[in-house]
Amino acid sequence: PDGTTYETACKYIDEKKKSEEYIMKTYQKWLIFRPYYLCGEFDYSNRF
């Protein structure tokens, strides 16, 4: 809904997914956060 295209979204998702998978495969102890939209002070995206 922010206007992101499939091309941009799929690249972003794929990169994050590959990172998650490698961390989980390599590290015994890991902590992964999956936030949605983050907003507030010092947000430089100017999208909200």
ModelCIF file with pLDDT and N, C-alpha, C, O atoms, coordinates in Angstrom:
data_MODEL
#
_entry.id   MODEL 
#
_entity.id                         1 
_entity.type                       polymer 
_entity.pdbx_number_of_molecules   1 
#
_entity_poly.entity_id                      1 
_entity_poly.type                           'polypeptide(L)' 
_entity_poly.nstd_linkage                   no 
_entity_poly.nstd_monomer                   no 
_entity_poly.pdbx_seq_one_letter_code       PDGTTYETACKYIDEKKKSEEYIMKTYQKWLIFRPYYLCGEFDYSNRF 
_entity_poly.pdbx_seq_one_letter_code_can   PDGTTYETACKYIDEKKKSEEYIMKTYQKWLIFRPYYLCGEFDYSNRF 
_entity_poly.pdbx_strand_id                 A 
#
loop_
_entity_poly_seq.entity_id 
_entity_poly_seq.num 
_entity_poly_seq.mon_id 
_entity_poly_seq.hetero 
1 1  PRO n 
1 2  ASP n 
1 3  GLY n 
1 4  THR n 
1 5  THR n 
1 6  TYR n 
1 7  GLU n 
1 8  THR n 
1 9  ALA n 
1 10 CYS n 
1 11 LYS n 
1 12 TYR n 
1 13 ILE n 
1 14 ASP n 
1 15 GLU n 
1 16 LYS n 
1 17 LYS n 
1 18 LYS n 
1 19 SER n 
1 20 GLU n 
1 21 GLU n 
1 22 TYR n 
1 23 ILE n 
1 24 MET n 
1 25 LYS n 
1 26 THR n 
1 27 TYR n 
1 28 GLN n 
1 29 LYS n 
1 30 TRP n 
1 31 LEU n 
1 32 ILE n 
1 33 PHE n 
1 34 ARG n 
1 35 PRO n 
1 36 TYR n 
1 37 TYR n 
1 38 LEU n 
1 39 CYS n 
1 40 GLY n 
1 41 GLU n 
1 42 PHE n 
1 43 ASP n 
1 44 TYR n 
1 45 SER n 
1 46 ASN n 
1 47 ARG n 
1 48 PHE n 
#
_struct_asym.id          A 
_struct_asym.entity_id   1 
#
loop_
_ma_qa_metric.id 
_ma_qa_metric.mode 
_ma_qa_metric.name 
_ma_qa_metric.software_group_id 
_ma_qa_metric.type 
1 global pLDDT . pLDDT 
2 local  pLDDT . pLDDT 
#
_ma_qa_metric_global.metric_id      1 
_ma_qa_metric_global.metric_value   92.33 
_ma_qa_metric_global.model_id       1 
_ma_qa_metric_global.ordinal_id     1 
#
loop_
_ma_qa_metric_local.label_asym_id 
_ma_qa_metric_local.label_comp_id 
_ma_qa_metric_local.label_seq_id 
_ma_qa_metric_local.metric_id 
_ma_qa_metric_local.metric_value 
_ma_qa_metric_local.model_id 
_ma_qa_metric_local.ordinal_id 
A PRO 1  2 75.00 1 1  
A ASP 2  2 82.00 1 2  
A GLY 3  2 82.00 1 3  
A THR 4  2 82.00 1 4  
A THR 5  2 83.00 1 5  
A TYR 6  2 80.00 1 6  
A GLU 7  2 83.00 1 7  
A THR 8  2 85.00 1 8  
A ALA 9  2 84.00 1 9  
A CYS 10 2 85.00 1 10 
A LYS 11 2 89.00 1 11 
A TYR 12 2 91.00 1 12 
A ILE 13 2 91.00 1 13 
A ASP 14 2 92.00 1 14 
A GLU 15 2 95.00 1 15 
A LYS 16 2 96.00 1 16 
A LYS 17 2 95.00 1 17 
A LYS 18 2 96.00 1 18 
A SER 19 2 98.00 1 19 
A GLU 20 2 98.00 1 20 
A GLU 21 2 97.00 1 21 
A TYR 22 2 98.00 1 22 
A ILE 23 2 98.00 1 23 
A MET 24 2 98.00 1 24 
A LYS 25 2 98.00 1 25 
A THR 26 2 98.00 1 26 
A TYR 27 2 98.00 1 27 
A GLN 28 2 97.00 1 28 
A LYS 29 2 98.00 1 29 
A TRP 30 2 98.00 1 30 
A LEU 31 2 98.00 1 31 
A ILE 32 2 98.00 1 32 
A PHE 33 2 98.00 1 33 
A ARG 34 2 97.00 1 34 
A PRO 35 2 96.00 1 35 
A TYR 36 2 92.00 1 36 
A TYR 37 2 94.00 1 37 
A LEU 38 2 97.00 1 38 
A CYS 39 2 97.00 1 39 
A GLY 40 2 96.00 1 40 
A GLU 41 2 91.00 1 41 
A PHE 42 2 92.00 1 42 
A ASP 43 2 93.00 1 43 
A TYR 44 2 88.00 1 44 
A SER 45 2 89.00 1 45 
A ASN 46 2 90.00 1 46 
A ARG 47 2 91.00 1 47 
A PHE 48 2 95.00 1 48 
#
loop_
_atom_site.group_PDB 
_atom_site.id 
_atom_site.type_symbol 
_atom_site.label_atom_id 
_atom_site.label_alt_id 
_atom_site.label_comp_id 
_atom_site.label_asym_id 
_atom_site.label_entity_id 
_atom_site.label_seq_id 
_atom_site.pdbx_PDB_ins_code 
_atom_site.Cartn_x 
_atom_site.Cartn_y 
_atom_site.Cartn_z 
_atom_site.occupancy 
_atom_site.B_iso_or_equiv 
_atom_site.pdbx_formal_charge 
_atom_site.auth_seq_id 
_atom_site.auth_comp_id 
_atom_site.auth_asym_id 
_atom_site.auth_atom_id 
_atom_site.pdbx_PDB_model_num 
ATOM 1   N N  . PRO A 1 1  ? 0.790  -1.240  0.000  1.00 75.00 ? 1  PRO A N  1 
ATOM 2   C CA . PRO A 1 1  ? 0.000  0.000   0.000  1.00 75.00 ? 1  PRO A CA 1 
ATOM 3   C C  . PRO A 1 1  ? 0.822  1.290   0.000  1.00 75.00 ? 1  PRO A C  1 
ATOM 4   O O  . PRO A 1 1  ? 0.267  2.375   -0.175 1.00 75.00 ? 1  PRO A O  1 
ATOM 5   N N  . ASP A 1 2  ? 2.135  1.183   0.194  1.00 82.00 ? 2  ASP A N  1 
ATOM 6   C CA . ASP A 1 2  ? 2.962  2.392   0.133  1.00 82.00 ? 2  ASP A CA 1 
ATOM 7   C C  . ASP A 1 2  ? 3.396  2.700   -1.289 1.00 82.00 ? 2  ASP A C  1 
ATOM 8   O O  . ASP A 1 2  ? 4.121  3.666   -1.524 1.00 82.00 ? 2  ASP A O  1 
ATOM 9   N N  . GLY A 1 3  ? 2.952  1.877   -2.246 1.00 82.00 ? 3  GLY A N  1 
ATOM 10  C CA . GLY A 1 3  ? 3.280  2.101   -3.645 1.00 82.00 ? 3  GLY A CA 1 
ATOM 11  C C  . GLY A 1 3  ? 4.454  1.282   -4.140 1.00 82.00 ? 3  GLY A C  1 
ATOM 12  O O  . GLY A 1 3  ? 4.872  1.437   -5.287 1.00 82.00 ? 3  GLY A O  1 
ATOM 13  N N  . THR A 1 4  ? 4.996  0.408   -3.296 1.00 82.00 ? 4  THR A N  1 
ATOM 14  C CA . THR A 1 4  ? 6.128  -0.430  -3.686 1.00 82.00 ? 4  THR A CA 1 
ATOM 15  C C  . THR A 1 4  ? 5.708  -1.422  -4.759 1.00 82.00 ? 4  THR A C  1 
ATOM 16  O O  . THR A 1 4  ? 4.648  -2.039  -4.659 1.00 82.00 ? 4  THR A O  1 
ATOM 17  N N  . THR A 1 5  ? 6.539  -1.576  -5.787 1.00 83.00 ? 5  THR A N  1 
ATOM 18  C CA . THR A 1 5  ? 6.249  -2.518  -6.865 1.00 83.00 ? 5  THR A CA 1 
ATOM 19  C C  . THR A 1 5  ? 6.707  -3.924  -6.488 1.00 83.00 ? 5  THR A C  1 
ATOM 20  O O  . THR A 1 5  ? 7.494  -4.114  -5.561 1.00 83.00 ? 5  THR A O  1 
ATOM 21  N N  . TYR A 1 6  ? 6.192  -4.909  -7.235 1.00 80.00 ? 6  TYR A N  1 
ATOM 22  C CA . TYR A 1 6  ? 6.625  -6.287  -7.034 1.00 80.00 ? 6  TYR A CA 1 
ATOM 23  C C  . TYR A 1 6  ? 8.140  -6.411  -7.207 1.00 80.00 ? 6  TYR A C  1 
ATOM 24  O O  . TYR A 1 6  ? 8.801  -7.113  -6.442 1.00 80.00 ? 6  TYR A O  1 
ATOM 25  N N  . GLU A 1 7  ? 8.680  -5.734  -8.202 1.00 83.00 ? 7  GLU A N  1 
ATOM 26  C CA . GLU A 1 7  ? 10.109 -5.828  -8.478 1.00 83.00 ? 7  GLU A CA 1 
ATOM 27  C C  . GLU A 1 7  ? 10.930 -5.430  -7.260 1.00 83.00 ? 7  GLU A C  1 
ATOM 28  O O  . GLU A 1 7  ? 11.856 -6.142  -6.871 1.00 83.00 ? 7  GLU A O  1 
ATOM 29  N N  . THR A 1 8  ? 10.593 -4.293  -6.658 1.00 85.00 ? 8  THR A N  1 
ATOM 30  C CA . THR A 1 8  ? 11.330 -3.814  -5.486 1.00 85.00 ? 8  THR A CA 1 
ATOM 31  C C  . THR A 1 8  ? 11.055 -4.682  -4.268 1.00 85.00 ? 8  THR A C  1 
ATOM 32  O O  . THR A 1 8  ? 11.974 -5.032  -3.527 1.00 85.00 ? 8  THR A O  1 
ATOM 33  N N  . ALA A 1 9  ? 9.794  -5.028  -4.063 1.00 84.00 ? 9  ALA A N  1 
ATOM 34  C CA . ALA A 1 9  ? 9.415  -5.817  -2.888 1.00 84.00 ? 9  ALA A CA 1 
ATOM 35  C C  . ALA A 1 9  ? 10.048 -7.201  -2.915 1.00 84.00 ? 9  ALA A C  1 
ATOM 36  O O  . ALA A 1 9  ? 10.553 -7.680  -1.899 1.00 84.00 ? 9  ALA A O  1 
ATOM 37  N N  . CYS A 1 10 ? 10.021 -7.834  -4.068 1.00 85.00 ? 10 CYS A N  1 
ATOM 38  C CA . CYS A 1 10 ? 10.546 -9.199  -4.160 1.00 85.00 ? 10 CYS A CA 1 
ATOM 39  C C  . CYS A 1 10 ? 12.051 -9.232  -3.963 1.00 85.00 ? 10 CYS A C  1 
ATOM 40  O O  . CYS A 1 10 ? 12.575 -10.176 -3.371 1.00 85.00 ? 10 CYS A O  1 
ATOM 41  N N  . LYS A 1 11 ? 12.749 -8.222  -4.447 1.00 89.00 ? 11 LYS A N  1 
ATOM 42  C CA . LYS A 1 11 ? 14.191 -8.159  -4.230 1.00 89.00 ? 11 LYS A CA 1 
ATOM 43  C C  . LYS A 1 11 ? 14.500 -8.000  -2.745 1.00 89.00 ? 11 LYS A C  1 
ATOM 44  O O  . LYS A 1 11 ? 15.379 -8.675  -2.210 1.00 89.00 ? 11 LYS A O  1 
ATOM 45  N N  . TYR A 1 12 ? 13.774 -7.108  -2.088 1.00 91.00 ? 12 TYR A N  1 
ATOM 46  C CA . TYR A 1 12 ? 13.980 -6.859  -0.663 1.00 91.00 ? 12 TYR A CA 1 
ATOM 47  C C  . TYR A 1 12 ? 13.690 -8.118  0.155  1.00 91.00 ? 12 TYR A C  1 
ATOM 48  O O  . TYR A 1 12 ? 14.479 -8.505  1.017  1.00 91.00 ? 12 TYR A O  1 
ATOM 49  N N  . ILE A 1 13 ? 12.550 -8.749  -0.126 1.00 91.00 ? 13 ILE A N  1 
ATOM 50  C CA . ILE A 1 13 ? 12.155 -9.952  0.610  1.00 91.00 ? 13 ILE A CA 1 
ATOM 51  C C  . ILE A 1 13 ? 13.162 -11.073 0.395  1.00 91.00 ? 13 ILE A C  1 
ATOM 52  O O  . ILE A 1 13 ? 13.533 -11.770 1.340  1.00 91.00 ? 13 ILE A O  1 
ATOM 53  N N  . ASP A 1 14 ? 13.604 -11.247 -0.845 1.00 92.00 ? 14 ASP A N  1 
ATOM 54  C CA . ASP A 1 14 ? 14.539 -12.321 -1.167 1.00 92.00 ? 14 ASP A CA 1 
ATOM 55  C C  . ASP A 1 14 ? 15.867 -12.136 -0.442 1.00 92.00 ? 14 ASP A C  1 
ATOM 56  O O  . ASP A 1 14 ? 16.443 -13.105 0.054  1.00 92.00 ? 14 ASP A O  1 
ATOM 57  N N  . GLU A 1 15 ? 16.358 -10.893 -0.378 1.00 95.00 ? 15 GLU A N  1 
ATOM 58  C CA . GLU A 1 15 ? 17.619 -10.636 0.303  1.00 95.00 ? 15 GLU A CA 1 
ATOM 59  C C  . GLU A 1 15 ? 17.502 -10.925 1.800  1.00 95.00 ? 15 GLU A C  1 
ATOM 60  O O  . GLU A 1 15 ? 18.395 -11.532 2.391  1.00 95.00 ? 15 GLU A O  1 
ATOM 61  N N  . LYS A 1 16 ? 16.411 -10.494 2.400  1.00 96.00 ? 16 LYS A N  1 
ATOM 62  C CA . LYS A 1 16 ? 16.212 -10.737 3.832  1.00 96.00 ? 16 LYS A CA 1 
ATOM 63  C C  . LYS A 1 16 ? 16.052 -12.236 4.110  1.00 96.00 ? 16 LYS A C  1 
ATOM 64  O O  . LYS A 1 16 ? 16.565 -12.744 5.107  1.00 96.00 ? 16 LYS A O  1 
ATOM 65  N N  . LYS A 1 17 ? 15.347 -12.930 3.235  1.00 95.00 ? 17 LYS A N  1 
ATOM 66  C CA . LYS A 1 17 ? 15.139 -14.371 3.413  1.00 95.00 ? 17 LYS A CA 1 
ATOM 67  C C  . LYS A 1 17 ? 16.453 -15.134 3.325  1.00 95.00 ? 17 LYS A C  1 
ATOM 68  O O  . LYS A 1 17 ? 16.711 -16.017 4.143  1.00 95.00 ? 17 LYS A O  1 
ATOM 69  N N  . LYS A 1 18 ? 17.283 -14.804 2.344  1.00 96.00 ? 18 LYS A N  1 
ATOM 70  C CA . LYS A 1 18 ? 18.599 -15.454 2.212  1.00 96.00 ? 18 LYS A CA 1 
ATOM 71  C C  . LYS A 1 18 ? 19.448 -15.218 3.457  1.00 96.00 ? 18 LYS A C  1 
ATOM 72  O O  . LYS A 1 18 ? 20.139 -16.121 3.928  1.00 96.00 ? 18 LYS A O  1 
ATOM 73  N N  . SER A 1 19 ? 19.389 -13.995 3.985  1.00 98.00 ? 19 SER A N  1 
ATOM 74  C CA . SER A 1 19 ? 20.158 -13.675 5.193  1.00 98.00 ? 19 SER A CA 1 
ATOM 75  C C  . SER A 1 19 ? 19.673 -14.498 6.374  1.00 98.00 ? 19 SER A C  1 
ATOM 76  O O  . SER A 1 19 ? 20.475 -15.079 7.104  1.00 98.00 ? 19 SER A O  1 
ATOM 77  N N  . GLU A 1 20 ? 18.359 -14.548 6.562  1.00 98.00 ? 20 GLU A N  1 
ATOM 78  C CA . GLU A 1 20 ? 17.793 -15.352 7.648  1.00 98.00 ? 20 GLU A CA 1 
ATOM 79  C C  . GLU A 1 20 ? 18.246 -16.809 7.550  1.00 98.00 ? 20 GLU A C  1 
ATOM 80  O O  . GLU A 1 20 ? 18.689 -17.402 8.534  1.00 98.00 ? 20 GLU A O  1 
ATOM 81  N N  . GLU A 1 21 ? 18.129 -17.361 6.374  1.00 97.00 ? 21 GLU A N  1 
ATOM 82  C CA . GLU A 1 21 ? 18.447 -18.780 6.188  1.00 97.00 ? 21 GLU A CA 1 
ATOM 83  C C  . GLU A 1 21 ? 19.908 -19.068 6.501  1.00 97.00 ? 21 GLU A C  1 
ATOM 84  O O  . GLU A 1 21 ? 20.228 -20.096 7.098  1.00 97.00 ? 21 GLU A O  1 
ATOM 85  N N  . TYR A 1 22 ? 20.790 -18.166 6.099  1.00 98.00 ? 22 TYR A N  1 
ATOM 86  C CA . TYR A 1 22 ? 22.213 -18.401 6.345  1.00 98.00 ? 22 TYR A CA 1 
ATOM 87  C C  . TYR A 1 22 ? 22.548 -18.268 7.830  1.00 98.00 ? 22 TYR A C  1 
ATOM 88  O O  . TYR A 1 22 ? 23.335 -19.044 8.372  1.00 98.00 ? 22 TYR A O  1 
ATOM 89  N N  . ILE A 1 23 ? 21.951 -17.292 8.467  1.00 98.00 ? 23 ILE A N  1 
ATOM 90  C CA . ILE A 1 23 ? 22.176 -17.121 9.913  1.00 98.00 ? 23 ILE A CA 1 
ATOM 91  C C  . ILE A 1 23 ? 21.700 -18.358 10.666 1.00 98.00 ? 23 ILE A C  1 
ATOM 92  O O  . ILE A 1 23 ? 22.405 -18.860 11.541 1.00 98.00 ? 23 ILE A O  1 
ATOM 93  N N  . MET A 1 24 ? 20.514 -18.850 10.335 1.00 98.00 ? 24 MET A N  1 
ATOM 94  C CA . MET A 1 24 ? 19.957 -20.013 11.039 1.00 98.00 ? 24 MET A CA 1 
ATOM 95  C C  . MET A 1 24 ? 20.766 -21.282 10.765 1.00 98.00 ? 24 MET A C  1 
ATOM 96  O O  . MET A 1 24 ? 20.898 -22.147 11.631 1.00 98.00 ? 24 MET A O  1 
ATOM 97  N N  . LYS A 1 25 ? 21.297 -21.379 9.562  1.00 98.00 ? 25 LYS A N  1 
ATOM 98  C CA . LYS A 1 25 ? 22.108 -22.548 9.197  1.00 98.00 ? 25 LYS A CA 1 
ATOM 99  C C  . LYS A 1 25 ? 23.465 -22.526 9.882  1.00 98.00 ? 25 LYS A C  1 
ATOM 100 O O  . LYS A 1 25 ? 24.021 -23.580 10.191 1.00 98.00 ? 25 LYS A O  1 
ATOM 101 N N  . THR A 1 26 ? 23.999 -21.343 10.121 1.00 98.00 ? 26 THR A N  1 
ATOM 102 C CA . THR A 1 26 ? 25.376 -21.201 10.586 1.00 98.00 ? 26 THR A CA 1 
ATOM 103 C C  . THR A 1 26 ? 25.480 -21.049 12.099 1.00 98.00 ? 26 THR A C  1 
ATOM 104 O O  . THR A 1 26 ? 26.375 -21.619 12.723 1.00 98.00 ? 26 THR A O  1 
ATOM 105 N N  . TYR A 1 27 ? 24.570 -20.284 12.685 1.00 98.00 ? 27 TYR A N  1 
ATOM 106 C CA . TYR A 1 27 ? 24.624 -19.979 14.117 1.00 98.00 ? 27 TYR A CA 1 
ATOM 107 C C  . TYR A 1 27 ? 23.713 -20.906 14.919 1.00 98.00 ? 27 TYR A C  1 
ATOM 108 O O  . TYR A 1 27 ? 22.591 -21.195 14.504 1.00 98.00 ? 27 TYR A O  1 
ATOM 109 N N  . GLN A 1 28 ? 24.198 -21.367 16.064 1.00 97.00 ? 28 GLN A N  1 
ATOM 110 C CA . GLN A 1 28 ? 23.344 -22.128 16.967 1.00 97.00 ? 28 GLN A CA 1 
ATOM 111 C C  . GLN A 1 28 ? 22.392 -21.216 17.733 1.00 97.00 ? 28 GLN A C  1 
ATOM 112 O O  . GLN A 1 28 ? 21.249 -21.579 18.010 1.00 97.00 ? 28 GLN A O  1 
ATOM 113 N N  . LYS A 1 29 ? 22.885 -20.023 18.072 1.00 98.00 ? 29 LYS A N  1 
ATOM 114 C CA . LYS A 1 29 ? 22.074 -19.068 18.828 1.00 98.00 ? 29 LYS A CA 1 
ATOM 115 C C  . LYS A 1 29 ? 21.818 -17.842 17.963 1.00 98.00 ? 29 LYS A C  1 
ATOM 116 O O  . LYS A 1 29 ? 22.743 -17.105 17.619 1.00 98.00 ? 29 LYS A O  1 
ATOM 117 N N  . TRP A 1 30 ? 20.556 -17.633 17.617 1.00 98.00 ? 30 TRP A N  1 
ATOM 118 C CA . TRP A 1 30 ? 20.201 -16.478 16.791 1.00 98.00 ? 30 TRP A CA 1 
ATOM 119 C C  . TRP A 1 30 ? 18.868 -15.899 17.252 1.00 98.00 ? 30 TRP A C  1 
ATOM 120 O O  . TRP A 1 30 ? 18.033 -16.577 17.850 1.00 98.00 ? 30 TRP A O  1 
ATOM 121 N N  . LEU A 1 31 ? 18.713 -14.628 16.947 1.00 98.00 ? 31 LEU A N  1 
ATOM 122 C CA . LEU A 1 31 ? 17.500 -13.887 17.305 1.00 98.00 ? 31 LEU A CA 1 
ATOM 123 C C  . LEU A 1 31 ? 17.124 -13.046 16.090 1.00 98.00 ? 31 LEU A C  1 
ATOM 124 O O  . LEU A 1 31 ? 17.884 -12.171 15.676 1.00 98.00 ? 31 LEU A O  1 
ATOM 125 N N  . ILE A 1 32 ? 15.954 -13.312 15.521 1.00 98.00 ? 32 ILE A N  1 
ATOM 126 C CA . ILE A 1 32 ? 15.537 -12.623 14.302 1.00 98.00 ? 32 ILE A CA 1 
ATOM 127 C C  . ILE A 1 32 ? 14.217 -11.900 14.546 1.00 98.00 ? 32 ILE A C  1 
ATOM 128 O O  . ILE A 1 32 ? 13.236 -12.503 14.981 1.00 98.00 ? 32 ILE A O  1 
ATOM 129 N N  . PHE A 1 33 ? 14.208 -10.603 14.261 1.00 98.00 ? 33 PHE A N  1 
ATOM 130 C CA . PHE A 1 33 ? 13.004 -9.790  14.404 1.00 98.00 ? 33 PHE A CA 1 
ATOM 131 C C  . PHE A 1 33 ? 12.417 -9.514  13.020 1.00 98.00 ? 33 PHE A C  1 
ATOM 132 O O  . PHE A 1 33 ? 13.141 -9.248  12.060 1.00 98.00 ? 33 PHE A O  1 
ATOM 133 N N  . ARG A 1 34 ? 11.092 -9.583  12.945 1.00 97.00 ? 34 ARG A N  1 
ATOM 134 C CA . ARG A 1 34 ? 10.397 -9.325  11.685 1.00 97.00 ? 34 ARG A CA 1 
ATOM 135 C C  . ARG A 1 34 ? 9.375  -8.194  11.863 1.00 97.00 ? 34 ARG A C  1 
ATOM 136 O O  . ARG A 1 34 ? 8.171  -8.449  11.877 1.00 97.00 ? 34 ARG A O  1 
ATOM 137 N N  . PRO A 1 35 ? 9.835  -6.976  11.996 1.00 96.00 ? 35 PRO A N  1 
ATOM 138 C CA . PRO A 1 35 ? 8.895  -5.856  12.140 1.00 96.00 ? 35 PRO A CA 1 
ATOM 139 C C  . PRO A 1 35 ? 8.243  -5.510  10.810 1.00 96.00 ? 35 PRO A C  1 
ATOM 140 O O  . PRO A 1 35 ? 8.789  -5.774  9.739  1.00 96.00 ? 35 PRO A O  1 
ATOM 141 N N  . TYR A 1 36 ? 7.070  -4.919  10.907 1.00 92.00 ? 36 TYR A N  1 
ATOM 142 C CA . TYR A 1 36 ? 6.418  -4.406  9.696  1.00 92.00 ? 36 TYR A CA 1 
ATOM 143 C C  . TYR A 1 36 ? 6.901  -2.966  9.488  1.00 92.00 ? 36 TYR A C  1 
ATOM 144 O O  . TYR A 1 36 ? 8.108  -2.722  9.476  1.00 92.00 ? 36 TYR A O  1 
ATOM 145 N N  . TYR A 1 37 ? 6.000  -2.033  9.328  1.00 94.00 ? 37 TYR A N  1 
ATOM 146 C CA . TYR A 1 37 ? 6.414  -0.652  9.100  1.00 94.00 ? 37 TYR A CA 1 
ATOM 147 C C  . TYR A 1 37 ? 6.836  -0.008  10.421 1.00 94.00 ? 37 TYR A C  1 
ATOM 148 O O  . TYR A 1 37 ? 6.100  -0.045  11.407 1.00 94.00 ? 37 TYR A O  1 
ATOM 149 N N  . LEU A 1 38 ? 8.024  0.577   10.421 1.00 97.00 ? 38 LEU A N  1 
ATOM 150 C CA . LEU A 1 38 ? 8.524  1.282   11.592 1.00 97.00 ? 38 LEU A CA 1 
ATOM 151 C C  . LEU A 1 38 ? 8.482  2.781   11.327 1.00 97.00 ? 38 LEU A C  1 
ATOM 152 O O  . LEU A 1 38 ? 8.889  3.243   10.261 1.00 97.00 ? 38 LEU A O  1 
ATOM 153 N N  . CYS A 1 39 ? 7.994  3.526   12.290 1.00 97.00 ? 39 CYS A N  1 
ATOM 154 C CA . CYS A 1 39 ? 7.864  4.969   12.119 1.00 97.00 ? 39 CYS A CA 1 
ATOM 155 C C  . CYS A 1 39 ? 8.365  5.670   13.370 1.00 97.00 ? 39 CYS A C  1 
ATOM 156 O O  . CYS A 1 39 ? 8.555  5.042   14.411 1.00 97.00 ? 39 CYS A O  1 
ATOM 157 N N  . GLY A 1 40 ? 8.576  6.968   13.262 1.00 96.00 ? 40 GLY A N  1 
ATOM 158 C CA . GLY A 1 40 ? 8.973  7.736   14.430 1.00 96.00 ? 40 GLY A CA 1 
ATOM 159 C C  . GLY A 1 40 ? 10.136 8.670   14.160 1.00 96.00 ? 40 GLY A C  1 
ATOM 160 O O  . GLY A 1 40 ? 10.458 8.981   13.014 1.00 96.00 ? 40 GLY A O  1 
ATOM 161 N N  . GLU A 1 41 ? 10.758 9.108   15.242 1.00 91.00 ? 41 GLU A N  1 
ATOM 162 C CA . GLU A 1 41 ? 11.825 10.102  15.175 1.00 91.00 ? 41 GLU A CA 1 
ATOM 163 C C  . GLU A 1 41 ? 13.014 9.614   14.345 1.00 91.00 ? 41 GLU A C  1 
ATOM 164 O O  . GLU A 1 41 ? 13.420 8.456   14.446 1.00 91.00 ? 41 GLU A O  1 
ATOM 165 N N  . PHE A 1 42 ? 13.554 10.491  13.544 1.00 92.00 ? 42 PHE A N  1 
ATOM 166 C CA . PHE A 1 42 ? 14.724 10.245  12.699 1.00 92.00 ? 42 PHE A CA 1 
ATOM 167 C C  . PHE A 1 42 ? 14.444 9.317   11.517 1.00 92.00 ? 42 PHE A C  1 
ATOM 168 O O  . PHE A 1 42 ? 15.377 8.789   10.912 1.00 92.00 ? 42 PHE A O  1 
ATOM 169 N N  . ASP A 1 43 ? 13.167 9.114   11.183 1.00 93.00 ? 43 ASP A N  1 
ATOM 170 C CA . ASP A 1 43 ? 12.841 8.331   9.990  1.00 93.00 ? 43 ASP A CA 1 
ATOM 171 C C  . ASP A 1 43 ? 13.143 9.176   8.758  1.00 93.00 ? 43 ASP A C  1 
ATOM 172 O O  . ASP A 1 43 ? 12.493 10.194  8.519  1.00 93.00 ? 43 ASP A O  1 
ATOM 173 N N  . TYR A 1 44 ? 14.129 8.748   7.980  1.00 88.00 ? 44 TYR A N  1 
ATOM 174 C CA . TYR A 1 44 ? 14.556 9.526   6.822  1.00 88.00 ? 44 TYR A CA 1 
ATOM 175 C C  . TYR A 1 44 ? 13.797 9.157   5.545  1.00 88.00 ? 44 TYR A C  1 
ATOM 176 O O  . TYR A 1 44 ? 14.034 9.757   4.497  1.00 88.00 ? 44 TYR A O  1 
ATOM 177 N N  . SER A 1 45 ? 12.884 8.172   5.617  1.00 89.00 ? 45 SER A N  1 
ATOM 178 C CA . SER A 1 45 ? 12.198 7.723   4.400  1.00 89.00 ? 45 SER A CA 1 
ATOM 179 C C  . SER A 1 45 ? 11.179 8.743   3.893  1.00 89.00 ? 45 SER A C  1 
ATOM 180 O O  . SER A 1 45 ? 10.892 8.799   2.697  1.00 89.00 ? 45 SER A O  1 
ATOM 181 N N  . ASN A 1 46 ? 10.636 9.548   4.807  1.00 90.00 ? 46 ASN A N  1 
ATOM 182 C CA . ASN A 1 46 ? 9.649  10.571  4.440  1.00 90.00 ? 46 ASN A CA 1 
ATOM 183 C C  . ASN A 1 46 ? 8.440  9.984   3.724  1.00 90.00 ? 46 ASN A C  1 
ATOM 184 O O  . ASN A 1 46 ? 7.864  10.634  2.851  1.00 90.00 ? 46 ASN A O  1 
ATOM 185 N N  . ARG A 1 47 ? 8.051  8.773   4.077  1.00 91.00 ? 47 ARG A N  1 
ATOM 186 C CA . ARG A 1 47 ? 6.924  8.133   3.393  1.00 91.00 ? 47 ARG A CA 1 
ATOM 187 C C  . ARG A 1 47 ? 5.620  8.169   4.178  1.00 91.00 ? 47 ARG A C  1 
ATOM 188 O O  . ARG A 1 47 ? 4.571  7.782   3.665  1.00 91.00 ? 47 ARG A O  1 
ATOM 189 N N  . PHE A 1 48 ? 5.686  8.638   5.431  1.00 95.00 ? 48 PHE A N  1 
ATOM 190 C CA . PHE A 1 48 ? 4.486  8.637   6.260  1.00 95.00 ? 48 PHE A CA 1 
ATOM 191 C C  . PHE A 1 48 ? 3.937  10.041  6.472  1.00 95.00 ? 48 PHE A C  1 
ATOM 192 O O  . PHE A 1 48 ? 2.925  10.212  7.152  1.00 95.00 ? 48 PHE A O  1 
#
